[in-house]
Amino acid sequence: MRNSYSYKFKLKAVKDYLEGPFECISVAGKNEMPSVSPLKRWVNAYKTLGPNGLRK
């Protein structure tokens, strides 16, 4: 089953990664995510499209 994450959750996770000294794996673990893959996609979307890139 695929996890569904809210816009607020995605934005918080991305900001935790971009604003802190943490690696993706640490941020994913802190947010109880089973994988870093979604976080990496969200970071790329955020860098490319800004906050609206997380609204999928």
Protein backbone atom coordinates (compact mmCIF):
# COMPACT_ATOMS: atom_id res chain seq x y z
CA MET A 1 0.00 0.00 0.00
CA ARG A 2 1.29 3.43 -0.91
CA ASN A 3 1.50 6.09 1.79
CA SER A 4 -0.29 9.37 1.24
CA TYR A 5 1.23 12.48 2.77
CA SER A 6 -0.40 15.86 3.24
CA TYR A 7 1.01 19.06 1.79
CA LYS A 8 1.86 20.28 5.32
CA PHE A 9 3.74 17.07 6.10
CA LYS A 10 5.73 17.28 2.85
CA LEU A 11 6.58 20.95 3.38
CA LYS A 12 7.73 20.34 6.96
CA ALA A 13 9.92 17.41 5.92
CA VAL A 14 11.48 19.37 3.04
CA LYS A 15 12.16 22.38 5.26
CA ASP A 16 13.65 20.13 7.96
CA TYR A 17 16.06 18.81 5.34
CA LEU A 18 16.91 22.11 3.63
CA GLU A 19 17.20 24.25 6.77
CA GLY A 20 18.91 21.77 9.04
CA PRO A 21 22.19 19.92 9.11
CA PHE A 22 20.44 16.59 8.51
CA GLU A 23 20.72 14.01 5.75
CA CYS A 24 17.64 12.65 3.99
CA ILE A 25 17.78 9.41 5.96
CA SER A 26 17.73 11.31 9.27
CA VAL A 27 14.79 13.49 8.25
CA ALA A 28 12.87 10.48 6.91
CA GLY A 29 13.47 8.57 10.14
CA LYS A 30 12.49 11.53 12.30
CA ASN A 31 9.21 11.77 10.38
CA GLU A 32 8.63 8.00 10.52
CA MET A 33 8.85 7.57 6.76
CA PRO A 34 9.67 4.01 5.62
CA SER A 35 11.85 5.28 2.74
CA VAL A 36 13.87 8.33 1.72
CA SER A 37 12.66 8.16 -1.90
CA PRO A 38 9.57 10.35 -1.43
CA LEU A 39 11.59 12.93 0.48
CA LYS A 40 14.17 13.12 -2.31
CA ARG A 41 11.38 13.62 -4.88
CA TRP A 42 9.79 16.33 -2.73
CA VAL A 43 13.10 18.16 -2.30
CA ASN A 44 13.67 18.12 -6.07
CA ALA A 45 10.10 19.31 -6.71
CA TYR A 46 10.48 22.06 -4.12
CA LYS A 47 13.78 23.25 -5.60
CA THR A 48 12.31 23.24 -9.12
CA LEU A 49 8.76 24.49 -8.57
CA GLY A 50 8.76 25.95 -5.08
CA PRO A 51 6.10 25.04 -2.51
CA ASN A 52 3.50 24.35 -5.23
CA GLY A 53 5.65 21.45 -6.40
CA LEU A 54 4.54 19.57 -3.28
CA ARG A 55 0.82 19.82 -4.08
CA LYS A 56 0.41 16.51 -5.91
